[in-house]
Protein backbone atom coordinates (compact mmCIF):
# COMPACT_ATOMS: atom_id res chain seq x y z
CA MET A 1 85.32 96.14 53.66
CA ASN A 2 85.97 93.36 56.16
CA VAL A 3 86.08 89.55 55.95
CA ASN A 4 82.71 89.03 57.66
CA ARG A 5 80.91 91.37 55.25
CA ILE A 6 82.52 89.65 52.25
CA LYS A 7 81.23 86.29 53.56
CA GLN A 8 77.73 87.77 54.04
CA ILE A 9 77.71 89.13 50.49
CA LEU A 10 78.90 85.81 49.04
CA SER A 11 76.17 83.87 50.87
CA SER A 12 73.42 86.39 50.04
CA SER A 13 71.01 85.97 47.16
CA ALA A 14 70.59 89.77 46.99
CA ASP A 15 72.27 91.89 44.32
CA ILE A 16 74.69 93.88 46.48
CA GLU A 17 76.70 96.49 44.62
CA VAL A 18 80.41 96.48 45.41
CA LYS A 19 82.97 98.77 43.82
CA TYR A 20 86.70 98.50 43.30
CA ASN A 21 88.48 101.69 42.17
CA GLY A 22 85.10 103.13 41.20
CA ALA A 23 84.13 100.17 39.00
CA SER A 24 81.22 97.89 39.89
CA VAL A 25 82.44 94.31 40.51
CA TRP A 26 81.15 90.87 41.48
CA ILE A 27 82.99 89.10 44.29
CA ASP A 28 83.79 85.56 43.16
CA GLN A 29 85.50 84.32 46.30
CA LEU A 30 87.33 85.24 49.46
CA ASN A 31 90.87 83.96 49.13
CA GLU A 32 92.48 81.67 51.70
CA ASP A 33 94.78 84.40 53.02
CA GLY A 34 91.70 86.23 54.37
CA ARG A 35 93.05 89.55 53.08
CA SER A 36 92.20 89.33 49.38
CA ALA A 37 89.30 88.40 47.16
CA THR A 38 88.88 87.38 43.54
CA VAL A 39 86.53 89.72 41.65
CA HIS A 40 85.41 90.46 38.11
CA LEU A 41 83.78 93.49 36.51
CA ARG A 42 80.02 93.46 36.08
CA GLY A 43 79.19 93.07 32.42
CA PRO A 44 80.35 90.92 29.52
CA LEU A 45 84.02 90.71 30.54
CA GLU A 46 84.81 87.74 32.74
CA GLU A 47 88.42 88.68 33.47
CA ARG A 48 89.13 87.96 37.12
CA THR A 49 91.60 89.75 39.33
CA THR A 50 92.75 89.50 42.94
CA VAL A 51 92.31 92.59 45.10
CA GLU A 52 92.83 93.50 48.75
CA ILE A 53 89.47 93.37 50.56
CA GLY A 54 90.17 96.77 52.15
CA GLU A 55 89.95 98.30 48.66
CA LEU A 56 86.37 97.04 48.11
CA VAL A 57 83.55 99.47 48.89
CA GLU A 58 79.89 98.57 49.33
CA GLU A 59 77.56 101.07 47.65
């Protein structure tokens, strides 16, 4: 995924499914380096992690 698409998803009110390593995640923010994003798994767990945006896949 690229930076522009991440920004579009973050500004959208739609429920856009994004996966990281096969798991469905919410994108919390694009990080300042422009190469990583903070995400968390969909569901009850709120644990956040930083991932490379190239590893995110839009379903």
